[in-house]
């Protein structure tokens, strides 16, 4: 079974937590697991809103234990907290994954 198919079967925050942190030994490995899941689930998004401005989404990365969005506007690049990013037209499963990551991040 592929990662995306496992991710799409999740129904609760707890399910997402189990998939993202499967076989991890510490918070750093867990953060890497979340990054892989977010990259997979949100790869279709090419544009997002940040602080009311539409910007290009160039991917994701980690800053410490936080999953960040890599955003570009012209030549300027910034890594932005996912709490500051507005994804347009989220599906139910995408919304669940975003809320699950935010829930996990609160406990760091």
N, C-alpha and C. Protein backbone atom coordinates (compact mmCIF):
# COMPACT_ATOMS: atom_id res chain seq x y z
N UNK A 1 0.85 -1.18 0.00
CA UNK A 1 0.00 0.00 0.00
C UNK A 1 0.90 1.25 0.00
N UNK A 2 0.56 2.23 -0.82
CA UNK A 2 1.35 3.45 -0.90
C UNK A 2 1.00 4.40 0.24
N UNK A 3 1.89 5.36 0.48
CA UNK A 3 1.67 6.34 1.55
C UNK A 3 0.38 7.10 1.31
N UNK A 4 0.15 7.57 0.09
CA UNK A 4 -1.04 8.38 -0.17
C UNK A 4 -2.32 7.57 0.04
N UNK A 5 -2.31 6.29 -0.31
CA UNK A 5 -3.51 5.49 -0.10
C UNK A 5 -3.76 5.28 1.40
N UNK A 6 -2.69 5.10 2.18
CA UNK A 6 -2.86 5.01 3.64
C UNK A 6 -3.38 6.32 4.20
N UNK A 7 -2.86 7.41 3.70
CA UNK A 7 -3.27 8.73 4.19
C UNK A 7 -4.75 8.99 3.89
N UNK A 8 -5.20 8.60 2.73
CA UNK A 8 -6.59 8.85 2.34
C UNK A 8 -7.58 7.99 3.11
N UNK A 9 -7.10 6.93 3.75
CA UNK A 9 -7.98 6.07 4.55
C UNK A 9 -8.20 6.62 5.96
N UNK A 10 -7.44 7.64 6.35
CA UNK A 10 -7.56 8.20 7.70
C UNK A 10 -8.90 8.90 7.88
N UNK A 11 -9.49 8.68 9.05
CA UNK A 11 -10.79 9.28 9.37
C UNK A 11 -10.72 10.24 10.55
N UNK A 12 -9.66 10.13 11.37
CA UNK A 12 -9.54 10.95 12.58
C UNK A 12 -8.13 11.52 12.70
N UNK A 13 -7.97 12.48 13.58
CA UNK A 13 -6.65 13.04 13.87
C UNK A 13 -5.72 11.93 14.37
N UNK A 14 -6.24 11.04 15.19
CA UNK A 14 -5.44 9.93 15.72
C UNK A 14 -4.93 9.05 14.58
N UNK A 15 -5.79 8.78 13.59
CA UNK A 15 -5.37 7.97 12.43
C UNK A 15 -4.20 8.65 11.70
N UNK A 16 -4.32 9.96 11.50
CA UNK A 16 -3.26 10.71 10.81
C UNK A 16 -1.96 10.65 11.61
N UNK A 17 -2.06 10.82 12.91
CA UNK A 17 -0.88 10.76 13.78
C UNK A 17 -0.18 9.41 13.65
N UNK A 18 -0.96 8.35 13.63
CA UNK A 18 -0.37 7.01 13.52
C UNK A 18 0.34 6.82 12.19
N UNK A 19 -0.24 7.29 11.10
CA UNK A 19 0.38 7.15 9.78
C UNK A 19 1.65 8.01 9.70
N UNK A 20 1.57 9.26 10.13
CA UNK A 20 2.70 10.19 10.00
C UNK A 20 3.88 9.80 10.87
N UNK A 21 3.62 9.20 12.02
CA UNK A 21 4.71 8.92 12.96
C UNK A 21 5.03 7.42 13.07
N UNK A 22 4.53 6.64 12.13
CA UNK A 22 4.78 5.21 12.11
C UNK A 22 6.29 4.94 12.09
N UNK A 23 6.75 4.07 12.97
CA UNK A 23 8.15 3.65 13.03
C UNK A 23 9.13 4.79 13.32
N UNK A 24 8.70 5.82 14.02
CA UNK A 24 9.61 6.90 14.39
C UNK A 24 10.07 6.71 15.84
N UNK A 25 11.29 7.15 16.11
CA UNK A 25 11.87 6.95 17.43
C UNK A 25 11.92 8.21 18.28
N UNK A 26 11.88 9.37 17.64
CA UNK A 26 11.94 10.62 18.40
C UNK A 26 11.19 11.71 17.64
N UNK A 27 11.17 12.91 18.22
CA UNK A 27 10.42 14.02 17.61
C UNK A 27 10.98 14.42 16.26
N UNK A 28 12.29 14.30 16.05
CA UNK A 28 12.88 14.68 14.76
C UNK A 28 12.43 13.72 13.65
N UNK A 29 12.40 12.44 13.96
CA UNK A 29 11.89 11.48 12.97
C UNK A 29 10.40 11.68 12.75
N UNK A 30 9.67 12.01 13.80
CA UNK A 30 8.23 12.27 13.66
C UNK A 30 8.00 13.49 12.77
N UNK A 31 8.80 14.54 12.95
CA UNK A 31 8.67 15.74 12.11
C UNK A 31 8.95 15.38 10.65
N UNK A 32 9.95 14.54 10.40
CA UNK A 32 10.24 14.11 9.03
C UNK A 32 9.08 13.30 8.45
N UNK A 33 8.43 12.49 9.29
CA UNK A 33 7.25 11.75 8.85
C UNK A 33 6.11 12.68 8.47
N UNK A 34 5.89 13.70 9.29
CA UNK A 34 4.85 14.69 8.97
C UNK A 34 5.19 15.41 7.67
N UNK A 35 6.44 15.77 7.49
CA UNK A 35 6.86 16.46 6.27
C UNK A 35 6.55 15.59 5.04
N UNK A 36 6.89 14.32 5.10
CA UNK A 36 6.61 13.42 3.97
C UNK A 36 5.12 13.36 3.66
N UNK A 37 4.31 13.29 4.71
CA UNK A 37 2.85 13.23 4.51
C UNK A 37 2.30 14.52 3.93
N UNK A 38 2.75 15.65 4.45
CA UNK A 38 2.26 16.94 3.96
C UNK A 38 2.70 17.14 2.51
N UNK A 39 3.94 16.79 2.19
CA UNK A 39 4.40 16.90 0.80
C UNK A 39 3.52 16.06 -0.13
N UNK A 40 3.19 14.87 0.30
CA UNK A 40 2.37 13.96 -0.51
C UNK A 40 0.95 14.49 -0.67
N UNK A 41 0.34 14.89 0.43
CA UNK A 41 -1.07 15.30 0.42
C UNK A 41 -1.29 16.64 -0.28
N UNK A 42 -0.32 17.56 -0.18
CA UNK A 42 -0.53 18.92 -0.67
C UNK A 42 0.29 19.24 -1.92
N UNK A 43 0.81 18.21 -2.60
CA UNK A 43 1.65 18.44 -3.77
C UNK A 43 0.89 19.06 -4.95
N UNK A 44 -0.42 18.92 -4.96
CA UNK A 44 -1.20 19.47 -6.08
C UNK A 44 -1.32 21.00 -6.03
N UNK A 45 -1.08 21.58 -4.87
CA UNK A 45 -1.23 23.02 -4.72
C UNK A 45 -0.01 23.74 -5.29
N UNK A 46 -0.26 24.66 -6.20
CA UNK A 46 0.83 25.45 -6.80
C UNK A 46 0.79 26.89 -6.31
N UNK A 47 -0.38 27.34 -5.85
CA UNK A 47 -0.56 28.71 -5.36
C UNK A 47 -1.34 28.66 -4.06
N UNK A 48 -0.96 29.54 -3.13
CA UNK A 48 -1.63 29.67 -1.83
C UNK A 48 -1.72 31.15 -1.49
N UNK A 49 -2.49 31.46 -0.49
CA UNK A 49 -2.55 32.83 0.02
C UNK A 49 -1.78 32.91 1.33
N UNK A 50 -0.97 33.95 1.45
CA UNK A 50 -0.24 34.25 2.68
C UNK A 50 -0.45 35.72 2.98
N UNK A 51 -1.02 36.00 4.14
CA UNK A 51 -1.30 37.37 4.56
C UNK A 51 -2.08 38.14 3.49
N UNK A 52 -3.04 37.46 2.88
CA UNK A 52 -3.90 38.09 1.89
C UNK A 52 -3.33 38.20 0.50
N UNK A 53 -2.12 37.70 0.29
CA UNK A 53 -1.49 37.78 -1.03
C UNK A 53 -1.33 36.39 -1.62
N UNK A 54 -1.64 36.27 -2.90
CA UNK A 54 -1.44 34.99 -3.58
C UNK A 54 0.03 34.84 -3.94
N UNK A 55 0.61 33.70 -3.57
CA UNK A 55 2.02 33.43 -3.83
C UNK A 55 2.17 32.02 -4.39
N UNK A 56 3.33 31.75 -4.96
CA UNK A 56 3.65 30.41 -5.45
C UNK A 56 4.03 29.53 -4.27
N UNK A 57 3.61 28.29 -4.30
CA UNK A 57 4.02 27.31 -3.31
C UNK A 57 5.10 26.45 -3.95
N UNK A 58 6.33 26.55 -3.44
CA UNK A 58 7.47 25.82 -4.00
C UNK A 58 7.79 24.54 -3.26
N UNK A 59 6.95 24.16 -2.32
CA UNK A 59 7.19 22.93 -1.58
C UNK A 59 7.15 23.17 -0.08
N UNK A 60 7.76 22.24 0.63
CA UNK A 60 7.73 22.27 2.10
C UNK A 60 9.11 21.94 2.64
N UNK A 61 9.34 22.29 3.87
CA UNK A 61 10.60 21.98 4.52
C UNK A 61 10.41 21.98 6.02
N UNK A 62 11.47 21.66 6.72
CA UNK A 62 11.44 21.66 8.18
C UNK A 62 12.29 22.80 8.71
N UNK A 63 11.77 23.46 9.72
CA UNK A 63 12.54 24.42 10.51
C UNK A 63 12.44 23.91 11.93
N UNK A 64 13.51 23.29 12.38
CA UNK A 64 13.44 22.58 13.66
C UNK A 64 12.48 21.42 13.51
N UNK A 65 11.43 21.42 14.31
CA UNK A 65 10.42 20.36 14.25
C UNK A 65 9.15 20.81 13.53
N UNK A 66 9.15 22.02 12.99
CA UNK A 66 7.96 22.57 12.35
C UNK A 66 7.98 22.38 10.85
N UNK A 67 6.87 21.89 10.29
CA UNK A 67 6.72 21.80 8.84
C UNK A 67 6.35 23.19 8.33
N UNK A 68 7.10 23.67 7.37
CA UNK A 68 6.92 25.01 6.83
C UNK A 68 6.63 24.93 5.33
N UNK A 69 5.90 25.91 4.82
CA UNK A 69 5.65 26.02 3.38
C UNK A 69 6.70 26.95 2.78
N UNK A 70 7.29 26.54 1.67
CA UNK A 70 8.24 27.39 0.95
C UNK A 70 7.45 28.19 -0.08
N UNK A 71 7.35 29.48 0.14
CA UNK A 71 6.53 30.35 -0.71
C UNK A 71 7.42 31.33 -1.46
N UNK A 72 6.96 31.66 -2.67
CA UNK A 72 7.73 32.57 -3.53
C UNK A 72 6.80 33.64 -4.10
N UNK A 73 7.32 34.85 -4.07
CA UNK A 73 6.65 35.97 -4.73
C UNK A 73 7.73 36.72 -5.50
N UNK A 74 7.72 36.58 -6.81
CA UNK A 74 8.80 37.16 -7.61
C UNK A 74 10.11 36.48 -7.26
N UNK A 75 11.11 37.27 -6.87
CA UNK A 75 12.41 36.72 -6.48
C UNK A 75 12.51 36.43 -4.99
N UNK A 76 11.51 36.83 -4.24
CA UNK A 76 11.55 36.67 -2.79
C UNK A 76 11.01 35.30 -2.40
N UNK A 77 11.73 34.64 -1.49
CA UNK A 77 11.35 33.31 -0.99
C UNK A 77 11.27 33.38 0.53
N UNK A 78 10.24 32.75 1.07
CA UNK A 78 10.08 32.71 2.52
C UNK A 78 9.52 31.35 2.93
N UNK A 79 10.00 30.86 4.05
CA UNK A 79 9.41 29.68 4.66
C UNK A 79 8.39 30.17 5.67
N UNK A 80 7.14 29.71 5.51
CA UNK A 80 6.02 30.24 6.27
C UNK A 80 5.35 29.10 7.04
N UNK A 81 4.99 29.38 8.27
CA UNK A 81 4.24 28.41 9.08
C UNK A 81 2.96 28.04 8.36
N UNK A 82 2.58 26.78 8.42
CA UNK A 82 1.35 26.35 7.75
C UNK A 82 0.12 27.01 8.36
N UNK A 83 0.22 27.50 9.59
CA UNK A 83 -0.90 28.22 10.19
C UNK A 83 -1.14 29.56 9.50
N UNK A 84 -0.14 30.06 8.77
CA UNK A 84 -0.26 31.34 8.06
C UNK A 84 -0.60 31.16 6.59
N UNK A 85 -0.71 29.93 6.15
CA UNK A 85 -0.98 29.63 4.74
C UNK A 85 -2.45 29.28 4.57
N UNK A 86 -3.06 29.89 3.57
CA UNK A 86 -4.45 29.56 3.23
C UNK A 86 -4.45 28.78 1.92
N UNK A 87 -4.84 27.52 2.03
CA UNK A 87 -4.98 26.67 0.85
C UNK A 87 -6.41 26.85 0.33
N UNK A 88 -6.54 27.03 -0.96
CA UNK A 88 -7.86 27.24 -1.54
C UNK A 88 -8.51 25.90 -1.87
N UNK A 89 -9.75 25.78 -1.53
CA UNK A 89 -10.56 24.60 -1.86
C UNK A 89 -9.98 23.30 -1.31
N UNK A 90 -9.81 23.23 0.00
CA UNK A 90 -9.33 22.00 0.62
C UNK A 90 -10.43 20.95 0.62
N UNK A 91 -10.03 19.73 0.33
CA UNK A 91 -10.96 18.61 0.46
C UNK A 91 -11.08 18.25 1.94
N UNK A 92 -12.01 17.40 2.25
CA UNK A 92 -12.21 16.97 3.63
C UNK A 92 -10.96 16.29 4.18
N UNK A 93 -10.32 15.43 3.39
CA UNK A 93 -9.13 14.71 3.85
C UNK A 93 -7.94 15.65 3.98
N UNK A 94 -7.80 16.61 3.07
CA UNK A 94 -6.72 17.59 3.18
C UNK A 94 -6.88 18.43 4.44
N UNK A 95 -8.11 18.83 4.71
CA UNK A 95 -8.39 19.61 5.91
C UNK A 95 -8.07 18.79 7.17
N UNK A 96 -8.43 17.51 7.17
CA UNK A 96 -8.12 16.65 8.30
C UNK A 96 -6.62 16.57 8.53
N UNK A 97 -5.84 16.40 7.47
CA UNK A 97 -4.39 16.31 7.61
C UNK A 97 -3.78 17.62 8.12
N UNK A 98 -4.27 18.73 7.62
CA UNK A 98 -3.76 20.03 8.08
C UNK A 98 -4.07 20.23 9.56
N UNK A 99 -5.28 19.92 9.96
CA UNK A 99 -5.66 20.05 11.37
C UNK A 99 -4.90 19.07 12.25
N UNK A 100 -4.61 17.89 11.73
CA UNK A 100 -3.86 16.89 12.49
C UNK A 100 -2.43 17.37 12.74
N UNK A 101 -1.80 17.93 11.71
CA UNK A 101 -0.45 18.46 11.88
C UNK A 101 -0.45 19.59 12.90
N UNK A 102 -1.41 20.49 12.80
CA UNK A 102 -1.50 21.60 13.75
C UNK A 102 -1.69 21.08 15.17
N UNK A 103 -2.49 20.05 15.33
CA UNK A 103 -2.72 19.46 16.65
C UNK A 103 -1.42 18.85 17.19
N UNK A 104 -0.69 18.12 16.34
CA UNK A 104 0.58 17.53 16.75
C UNK A 104 1.59 18.62 17.13
N UNK A 105 1.62 19.69 16.34
CA UNK A 105 2.59 20.79 16.56
C UNK A 105 2.36 21.51 17.88
N UNK A 106 1.12 21.55 18.34
CA UNK A 106 0.81 22.24 19.60
C UNK A 106 1.51 21.57 20.77
N UNK A 107 1.78 20.29 20.67
CA UNK A 107 2.34 19.53 21.79
C UNK A 107 3.87 19.49 21.79
N UNK A 108 4.50 20.25 20.92
CA UNK A 108 5.97 20.25 20.87
C UNK A 108 6.54 21.16 21.94
